[in-house]
Amino acid sequence: MTQSVALFVTCLVDQLFPQVGESVVRVLQRLGVEVDFPPDQTCCGQPAFNAGFVSDARAVARRFLDVFSDSEYIVV
């Protein structure tokens, strides 16, 4: 049975270290894991929360939860 995971690529990886995200996909696939990349994913809300924008962070976090709601496993 093939395991399937959803991959969440953080802002830091996306903007500064995209090769890390690509490497994660290669490692998971080599281990026989099917990797799904939800195209609607955005920020998780942590930067806004850390900056004190709790209300804005809450809205972004809810979107994150909606986008990944069908995922049994999420790899970050």
PDB file of N, CA and C in Angstrom:
ATOM      1  N   MET A   1       0.836  -1.183   0.000  1.00  0.00           N
ATOM      2  CA  MET A   1       0.000   0.000   0.000  1.00  0.00           C
ATOM      3  C   MET A   1       0.879   1.244   0.000  1.00  0.00           C
ATOM      4  N   THR A   2       0.601   2.157  -0.888  1.00  0.00           N
ATOM      5  CA  THR A   2       1.362   3.390  -0.979  1.00  0.00           C
ATOM      6  C   THR A   2       0.789   4.425  -0.025  1.00  0.00           C
ATOM      7  N   GLN A   3       1.677   5.019   0.753  1.00  0.00           N
ATOM      8  CA  GLN A   3       1.278   6.090   1.659  1.00  0.00           C
ATOM      9  C   GLN A   3       1.239   7.398   0.884  1.00  0.00           C
ATOM     10  N   SER A   4       0.292   8.244   1.200  1.00  0.00           N
ATOM     11  CA  SER A   4       0.162   9.531   0.536  1.00  0.00           C
ATOM     12  C   SER A   4       0.223  10.647   1.572  1.00  0.00           C
ATOM     13  N   VAL A   5       0.961  11.703   1.245  1.00  0.00           N
ATOM     14  CA  VAL A   5       1.058  12.854   2.132  1.00  0.00           C
ATOM     15  C   VAL A   5       0.841  14.123   1.327  1.00  0.00           C
ATOM     16  N   ALA A   6       0.397  15.162   2.006  1.00  0.00           N
ATOM     17  CA  ALA A   6       0.313  16.485   1.401  1.00  0.00           C
ATOM     18  C   ALA A   6       1.549  17.253   1.842  1.00  0.00           C
ATOM     19  N   LEU A   7       2.177  17.939   0.912  1.00  0.00           N
ATOM     20  CA  LEU A   7       3.380  18.698   1.221  1.00  0.00           C
ATOM     21  C   LEU A   7       3.024  20.172   1.378  1.00  0.00           C
ATOM     22  N   PHE A   8       3.354  20.715   2.545  1.00  0.00           N
ATOM     23  CA  PHE A   8       3.207  22.151   2.776  1.00  0.00           C
ATOM     24  C   PHE A   8       4.594  22.760   2.715  1.00  0.00           C
ATOM     25  N   VAL A   9       4.780  23.661   1.787  1.00  0.00           N
ATOM     26  CA  VAL A   9       6.069  24.332   1.635  1.00  0.00           C
ATOM     27  C   VAL A   9       5.967  25.696   2.306  1.00  0.00           C
ATOM     28  N   THR A  10       6.766  25.877   3.346  1.00  0.00           N
ATOM     29  CA  THR A  10       6.727  27.127   4.105  1.00  0.00           C
ATOM     30  C   THR A  10       7.246  28.299   3.267  1.00  0.00           C
ATOM     31  N   CYS A  11       6.929  29.508   3.721  1.00  0.00           N
ATOM     32  CA  CYS A  11       7.387  30.726   3.044  1.00  0.00           C
ATOM     33  C   CYS A  11       8.908  30.748   2.952  1.00  0.00           C
ATOM     34  N   LEU A  12       9.566  30.363   4.033  1.00  0.00           N
ATOM     35  CA  LEU A  12      11.027  30.370   4.072  1.00  0.00           C
ATOM     36  C   LEU A  12      11.607  29.446   3.012  1.00  0.00           C
ATOM     37  N   VAL A  13      11.072  28.249   2.919  1.00  0.00           N
ATOM     38  CA  VAL A  13      11.558  27.301   1.910  1.00  0.00           C
ATOM     39  C   VAL A  13      11.215  27.814   0.515  1.00  0.00           C
ATOM     40  N   ASP A  14      10.012  28.271   0.328  1.00  0.00           N
ATOM     41  CA  ASP A  14       9.572  28.733  -0.989  1.00  0.00           C
ATOM     42  C   ASP A  14      10.437  29.880  -1.501  1.00  0.00           C
ATOM     43  N   GLN A  15      10.708  30.847  -0.656  1.00  0.00           N
ATOM     44  CA  GLN A  15      11.415  32.052  -1.091  1.00  0.00           C
ATOM     45  C   GLN A  15      12.938  31.943  -1.043  1.00  0.00           C
ATOM     46  N   LEU A  16      13.473  31.223  -0.073  1.00  0.00           N
ATOM     47  CA  LEU A  16      14.919  31.230   0.114  1.00  0.00           C
ATOM     48  C   LEU A  16      15.619  29.910  -0.195  1.00  0.00           C
ATOM     49  N   PHE A  17      14.929  28.801   0.032  1.00  0.00           N
ATOM     50  CA  PHE A  17      15.568  27.493  -0.125  1.00  0.00           C
ATOM     51  C   PHE A  17      14.688  26.516  -0.905  1.00  0.00           C
ATOM     52  N   PRO A  18      14.275  26.858  -2.120  1.00  0.00           N
ATOM     53  CA  PRO A  18      13.365  25.965  -2.855  1.00  0.00           C
ATOM     54  C   PRO A  18      13.953  24.580  -3.093  1.00  0.00           C
ATOM     55  N   GLN A  19      15.266  24.478  -3.133  1.00  0.00           N
ATOM     56  CA  GLN A  19      15.896  23.168  -3.349  1.00  0.00           C
ATOM     57  C   GLN A  19      15.586  22.222  -2.189  1.00  0.00           C
ATOM     58  N   VAL A  20      15.314  22.761  -1.004  1.00  0.00           N
ATOM     59  CA  VAL A  20      14.962  21.915   0.134  1.00  0.00           C
ATOM     60  C   VAL A  20      13.611  21.237  -0.124  1.00  0.00           C
ATOM     61  N   GLY A  21      12.637  22.000  -0.610  1.00  0.00           N
ATOM     62  CA  GLY A  21      11.335  21.424  -0.939  1.00  0.00           C
ATOM     63  C   GLY A  21      11.442  20.357  -2.010  1.00  0.00           C
ATOM     64  N   GLU A  22      12.252  20.630  -3.026  1.00  0.00           N
ATOM     65  CA  GLU A  22      12.445  19.648  -4.099  1.00  0.00           C
ATOM     66  C   GLU A  22      13.110  18.385  -3.562  1.00  0.00           C
ATOM     67  N   SER A  23      14.075  18.554  -2.657  1.00  0.00           N
ATOM     68  CA  SER A  23      14.755  17.397  -2.067  1.00  0.00           C
ATOM     69  C   SER A  23      13.810  16.563  -1.212  1.00  0.00           C
ATOM     70  N   VAL A  24      12.924  17.231  -0.480  1.00  0.00           N
ATOM     71  CA  VAL A  24      11.946  16.519   0.347  1.00  0.00           C
ATOM     72  C   VAL A  24      11.071  15.634  -0.537  1.00  0.00           C
ATOM     73  N   VAL A  25      10.635  16.175  -1.662  1.00  0.00           N
ATOM     74  CA  VAL A  25       9.809  15.387  -2.588  1.00  0.00           C
ATOM     75  C   VAL A  25      10.580  14.172  -3.082  1.00  0.00           C
ATOM     76  N   ARG A  26      11.832  14.366  -3.470  1.00  0.00           N
ATOM     77  CA  ARG A  26      12.641  13.235  -3.968  1.00  0.00           C
ATOM     78  C   ARG A  26      12.821  12.159  -2.899  1.00  0.00           C
ATOM     79  N   VAL A  27      13.104  12.577  -1.676  1.00  0.00           N
ATOM     80  CA  VAL A  27      13.295  11.605  -0.586  1.00  0.00           C
ATOM     81  C   VAL A  27      12.008  10.832  -0.332  1.00  0.00           C
ATOM     82  N   LEU A  28      10.900  11.542  -0.231  1.00  0.00           N
ATOM     83  CA  LEU A  28       9.617  10.874   0.029  1.00  0.00           C
ATOM     84  C   LEU A  28       9.271   9.898  -1.095  1.00  0.00           C
ATOM     85  N   GLN A  29       9.466  10.325  -2.339  1.00  0.00           N
ATOM     86  CA  GLN A  29       9.161   9.442  -3.466  1.00  0.00           C
ATOM     87  C   GLN A  29      10.073   8.218  -3.467  1.00  0.00           C
ATOM     88  N   ARG A  30      11.322   8.398  -3.111  1.00  0.00           N
ATOM     89  CA  ARG A  30      12.251   7.279  -3.039  1.00  0.00           C
ATOM     90  C   ARG A  30      11.821   6.269  -1.981  1.00  0.00           C
ATOM     91  N   LEU A  31      11.151   6.774  -0.945  1.00  0.00           N
ATOM     92  CA  LEU A  31      10.641   5.909   0.122  1.00  0.00           C
ATOM     93  C   LEU A  31       9.280   5.302  -0.225  1.00  0.00           C
ATOM     94  N   GLY A  32       8.785   5.590  -1.430  1.00  0.00           N
ATOM     95  CA  GLY A  32       7.519   5.023  -1.871  1.00  0.00           C
ATOM     96  C   GLY A  32       6.301   5.820  -1.448  1.00  0.00           C
ATOM     97  N   VAL A  33       6.514   7.056  -1.037  1.00  0.00           N
ATOM     98  CA  VAL A  33       5.407   7.903  -0.581  1.00  0.00           C
ATOM     99  C   VAL A  33       4.911   8.745  -1.757  1.00  0.00           C
ATOM    100  N   GLU A  34       3.603   8.758  -1.931  1.00  0.00           N
ATOM    101  CA  GLU A  34       2.983   9.604  -2.953  1.00  0.00           C
ATOM    102  C   GLU A  34       2.844  11.010  -2.371  1.00  0.00           C
ATOM    103  N   VAL A  35       3.355  12.009  -3.089  1.00  0.00           N
ATOM    104  CA  VAL A  35       3.352  13.378  -2.589  1.00  0.00           C
ATOM    105  C   VAL A  35       2.335  14.214  -3.350  1.00  0.00           C
ATOM    106  N   ASP A  36       1.437  14.821  -2.600  1.00  0.00           N
ATOM    107  CA  ASP A  36       0.450  15.742  -3.159  1.00  0.00           C
ATOM    108  C   ASP A  36       0.862  17.153  -2.755  1.00  0.00           C
ATOM    109  N   PHE A  37       0.784  18.082  -3.695  1.00  0.00           N
ATOM    110  CA  PHE A  37       1.094  19.478  -3.407  1.00  0.00           C
ATOM    111  C   PHE A  37      -0.159  20.300  -3.693  1.00  0.00           C
ATOM    112  N   PRO A  38      -0.959  20.586  -2.651  1.00  0.00           N
ATOM    113  CA  PRO A  38      -2.177  21.367  -2.877  1.00  0.00           C
ATOM    114  C   PRO A  38      -1.834  22.738  -3.469  1.00  0.00           C
ATOM    115  N   PRO A  39      -2.270  23.010  -4.688  1.00  0.00           N
ATOM    116  CA  PRO A  39      -1.883  24.253  -5.370  1.00  0.00           C
ATOM    117  C   PRO A  39      -2.454  25.515  -4.726  1.00  0.00           C
ATOM    118  N   ASP A  40      -3.496  25.387  -3.933  1.00  0.00           N
ATOM    119  CA  ASP A  40      -4.108  26.566  -3.311  1.00  0.00           C
ATOM    120  C   ASP A  40      -3.438  26.984  -2.009  1.00  0.00           C
ATOM    121  N   GLN A  41      -2.386  26.265  -1.602  1.00  0.00           N
ATOM    122  CA  GLN A  41      -1.758  26.594  -0.328  1.00  0.00           C
ATOM    123  C   GLN A  41      -1.112  27.976  -0.376  1.00  0.00           C
ATOM    124  N   THR A  42      -1.154  28.624   0.763  1.00  0.00           N
ATOM    125  CA  THR A  42      -0.523  29.930   0.945  1.00  0.00           C
ATOM    126  C   THR A  42       0.204  29.890   2.283  1.00  0.00           C
ATOM    127  N   CYS A  43       0.440  31.034   2.823  1.00  0.00           N
ATOM    128  CA  CYS A  43       1.098  31.154   4.126  1.00  0.00           C
ATOM    129  C   CYS A  43       0.237  30.494   5.211  1.00  0.00           C
ATOM    130  N   CYS A  44       0.894  30.036   6.273  1.00  0.00           N
ATOM    131  CA  CYS A  44       0.170  29.417   7.391  1.00  0.00           C
ATOM    132  C   CYS A  44      -0.312  30.444   8.409  1.00  0.00           C
ATOM    133  N   GLY A  45       0.205  31.668   8.337  1.00  0.00           N
ATOM    134  CA  GLY A  45      -0.203  32.713   9.265  1.00  0.00           C
ATOM    135  C   GLY A  45       0.816  33.015  10.350  1.00  0.00           C
ATOM    136  N   GLN A  46       1.848  32.207  10.473  1.00  0.00           N
ATOM    137  CA  GLN A  46       2.835  32.412  11.541  1.00  0.00           C
ATOM    138  C   GLN A  46       3.523  33.778  11.473  1.00  0.00           C
ATOM    139  N   PRO A  47       3.975  34.258  10.307  1.00  0.00           N
ATOM    140  CA  PRO A  47       4.624  35.567  10.274  1.00  0.00           C
ATOM    141  C   PRO A  47       3.702  36.687  10.782  1.00  0.00           C
ATOM    142  N   ALA A  48       2.451  36.668  10.385  1.00  0.00           N
ATOM    143  CA  ALA A  48       1.500  37.687  10.859  1.00  0.00           C
ATOM    144  C   ALA A  48       1.293  37.566  12.368  1.00  0.00           C
ATOM    145  N   PHE A  49       1.174  36.343  12.847  1.00  0.00           N
ATOM    146  CA  PHE A  49       1.002  36.122  14.283  1.00  0.00           C
ATOM    147  C   PHE A  49       2.211  36.636  15.055  1.00  0.00           C
ATOM    148  N   ASN A  50       3.406  36.301  14.584  1.00  0.00           N
ATOM    149  CA  ASN A  50       4.628  36.740  15.251  1.00  0.00           C
ATOM    150  C   ASN A  50       4.763  38.257  15.268  1.00  0.00           C
ATOM    151  N   ALA A  51       4.188  38.913  14.265  1.00  0.00           N
ATOM    152  CA  ALA A  51       4.254  40.376  14.183  1.00  0.00           C
ATOM    153  C   ALA A  51       3.132  41.045  14.971  1.00  0.00           C
ATOM    154  N   GLY A  52       2.281  40.243  15.619  1.00  0.00           N
ATOM    155  CA  GLY A  52       1.222  40.799  16.450  1.00  0.00           C
ATOM    156  C   GLY A  52      -0.112  40.991  15.749  1.00  0.00           C
ATOM    157  N   PHE A  53      -0.227  40.544  14.508  1.00  0.00           N
ATOM    158  CA  PHE A  53      -1.470  40.677  13.759  1.00  0.00           C
ATOM    159  C   PHE A  53      -2.303  39.399  13.926  1.00  0.00           C
ATOM    160  N   VAL A  54      -2.798  39.207  15.130  1.00  0.00           N
ATOM    161  CA  VAL A  54      -3.478  37.959  15.490  1.00  0.00           C
ATOM    162  C   VAL A  54      -4.720  37.727  14.639  1.00  0.00           C
ATOM    163  N   SER A  55      -5.497  38.748  14.413  1.00  0.00           N
ATOM    164  CA  SER A  55      -6.733  38.623  13.630  1.00  0.00           C
ATOM    165  C   SER A  55      -6.423  38.193  12.192  1.00  0.00           C
ATOM    166  N   ASP A  56      -5.445  38.843  11.594  1.00  0.00           N
ATOM    167  CA  ASP A  56      -5.049  38.481  10.229  1.00  0.00           C
ATOM    168  C   ASP A  56      -4.490  37.061  10.187  1.00  0.00           C
ATOM    169  N   ALA A  57      -3.691  36.728  11.187  1.00  0.00           N
ATOM    170  CA  ALA A  57      -3.105  35.385  11.245  1.00  0.00           C
ATOM    171  C   ALA A  57      -4.185  34.330  11.358  1.00  0.00           C
ATOM    172  N   ARG A  58      -5.212  34.607  12.125  1.00  0.00           N
ATOM    173  CA  ARG A  58      -6.307  33.646  12.306  1.00  0.00           C
ATOM    174  C   ARG A  58      -6.979  33.350  10.965  1.00  0.00           C
ATOM    175  N   ALA A  59      -7.220  34.389  10.169  1.00  0.00           N
ATOM    176  CA  ALA A  59      -7.875  34.207   8.870  1.00  0.00           C
ATOM    177  C   ALA A  59      -7.003  33.367   7.929  1.00  0.00           C
ATOM    178  N   VAL A  60      -5.705  33.650   7.933  1.00  0.00           N
ATOM    179  CA  VAL A  60      -4.794  32.901   7.067  1.00  0.00           C
ATOM    180  C   VAL A  60      -4.684  31.449   7.538  1.00  0.00           C
ATOM    181  N   ALA A  61      -4.637  31.260   8.833  1.00  0.00           N
ATOM    182  CA  ALA A  61      -4.549  29.896   9.379  1.00  0.00           C
ATOM    183  C   ALA A  61      -5.804  29.093   9.043  1.00  0.00           C
ATOM    184  N   ARG A  62      -6.953  29.734   9.080  1.00  0.00           N
ATOM    185  CA  ARG A  62      -8.194  29.027   8.709  1.00  0.00           C
ATOM    186  C   ARG A  62      -8.155  28.585   7.256  1.00  0.00           C
ATOM    187  N   ARG A  63      -7.618  29.450   6.402  1.00  0.00           N
ATOM    188  CA  ARG A  63      -7.493  29.087   4.985  1.00  0.00           C
ATOM    189  C   ARG A  63      -6.572  27.875   4.849  1.00  0.00           C
ATOM    190  N   PHE A  64      -5.469  27.899   5.574  1.00  0.00           N
ATOM    191  CA  PHE A  64      -4.540  26.763   5.562  1.00  0.00           C
ATOM    192  C   PHE A  64      -5.274  25.484   5.951  1.00  0.00           C
ATOM    193  N   LEU A  65      -6.052  25.549   7.017  1.00  0.00           N
ATOM    194  CA  LEU A  65      -6.799  24.367   7.482  1.00  0.00           C
ATOM    195  C   LEU A  65      -7.796  23.895   6.432  1.00  0.00           C
ATOM    196  N   ASP A  66      -8.432  24.831   5.744  1.00  0.00           N
ATOM    197  CA  ASP A  66      -9.373  24.469   4.683  1.00  0.00           C
ATOM    198  C   ASP A  66      -8.658  23.762   3.527  1.00  0.00           C
ATOM    199  N   VAL A  67      -7.530  24.332   3.102  1.00  0.00           N
ATOM    200  CA  VAL A  67      -6.795  23.767   1.965  1.00  0.00           C
ATOM    201  C   VAL A  67      -6.321  22.346   2.259  1.00  0.00           C
ATOM    202  N   PHE A  68      -5.909  22.099   3.506  1.00  0.00           N
ATOM    203  CA  PHE A  68      -5.367  20.789   3.864  1.00  0.00           C
ATOM    204  C   PHE A  68      -6.384  19.892   4.584  1.00  0.00           C
ATOM    205  N   SER A  69      -7.631  20.278   4.591  1.00  0.00           N
ATOM    206  CA  SER A  69      -8.638  19.549   5.371  1.00  0.00           C
ATOM    207  C   SER A  69      -8.828  18.097   4.923  1.00  0.00           C
ATOM    208  N   ASP A  70      -8.584  17.788   3.689  1.00  0.00           N
ATOM    209  CA  ASP A  70      -8.755  16.415   3.192  1.00  0.00           C
ATOM    210  C   ASP A  70      -7.482  15.572   3.320  1.00  0.00           C
ATOM    211  N   SER A  71      -6.433  16.169   3.844  1.00  0.00           N
ATOM    212  CA  SER A  71      -5.141  15.469   3.941  1.00  0.00           C
ATOM    213  C   SER A  71      -5.056  14.685   5.241  1.00  0.00           C
ATOM    214  N   GLU A  72      -4.720  13.412   5.106  1.00  0.00           N
ATOM    215  CA  GLU A  72      -4.543  12.599   6.306  1.00  0.00           C
ATOM    216  C   GLU A  72      -3.222  12.939   7.006  1.00  0.00           C
ATOM    217  N   TYR A  73      -2.182  13.163   6.178  1.00  0.00           N
ATOM    218  CA  TYR A  73      -0.863  13.512   6.697  1.00  0.00           C
ATOM    219  C   TYR A  73      -0.369  14.757   5.973  1.00  0.00           C
ATOM    220  N   ILE A  74       0.278  15.644   6.712  1.00  0.00           N
ATOM    221  CA  ILE A  74       0.880  16.846   6.126  1.00  0.00           C
ATOM    222  C   ILE A  74       2.365  16.840   6.500  1.00  0.00           C
ATOM    223  N   VAL A  75       3.204  16.960   5.497  1.00  0.00           N
ATOM    224  CA  VAL A  75       4.647  17.067   5.718  1.00  0.00           C
ATOM    225  C   VAL A  75       5.027  18.520   5.500  1.00  0.00           C
ATOM    226  N   VAL A  76       5.766  19.062   6.474  1.00  0.00           N
ATOM    227  CA  VAL A  76       6.186  20.468   6.394  1.00  0.00           C
ATOM    228  C   VAL A  76       7.697  20.515   6.276  1.00  0.00           C
TER     229      VAL A  76
END
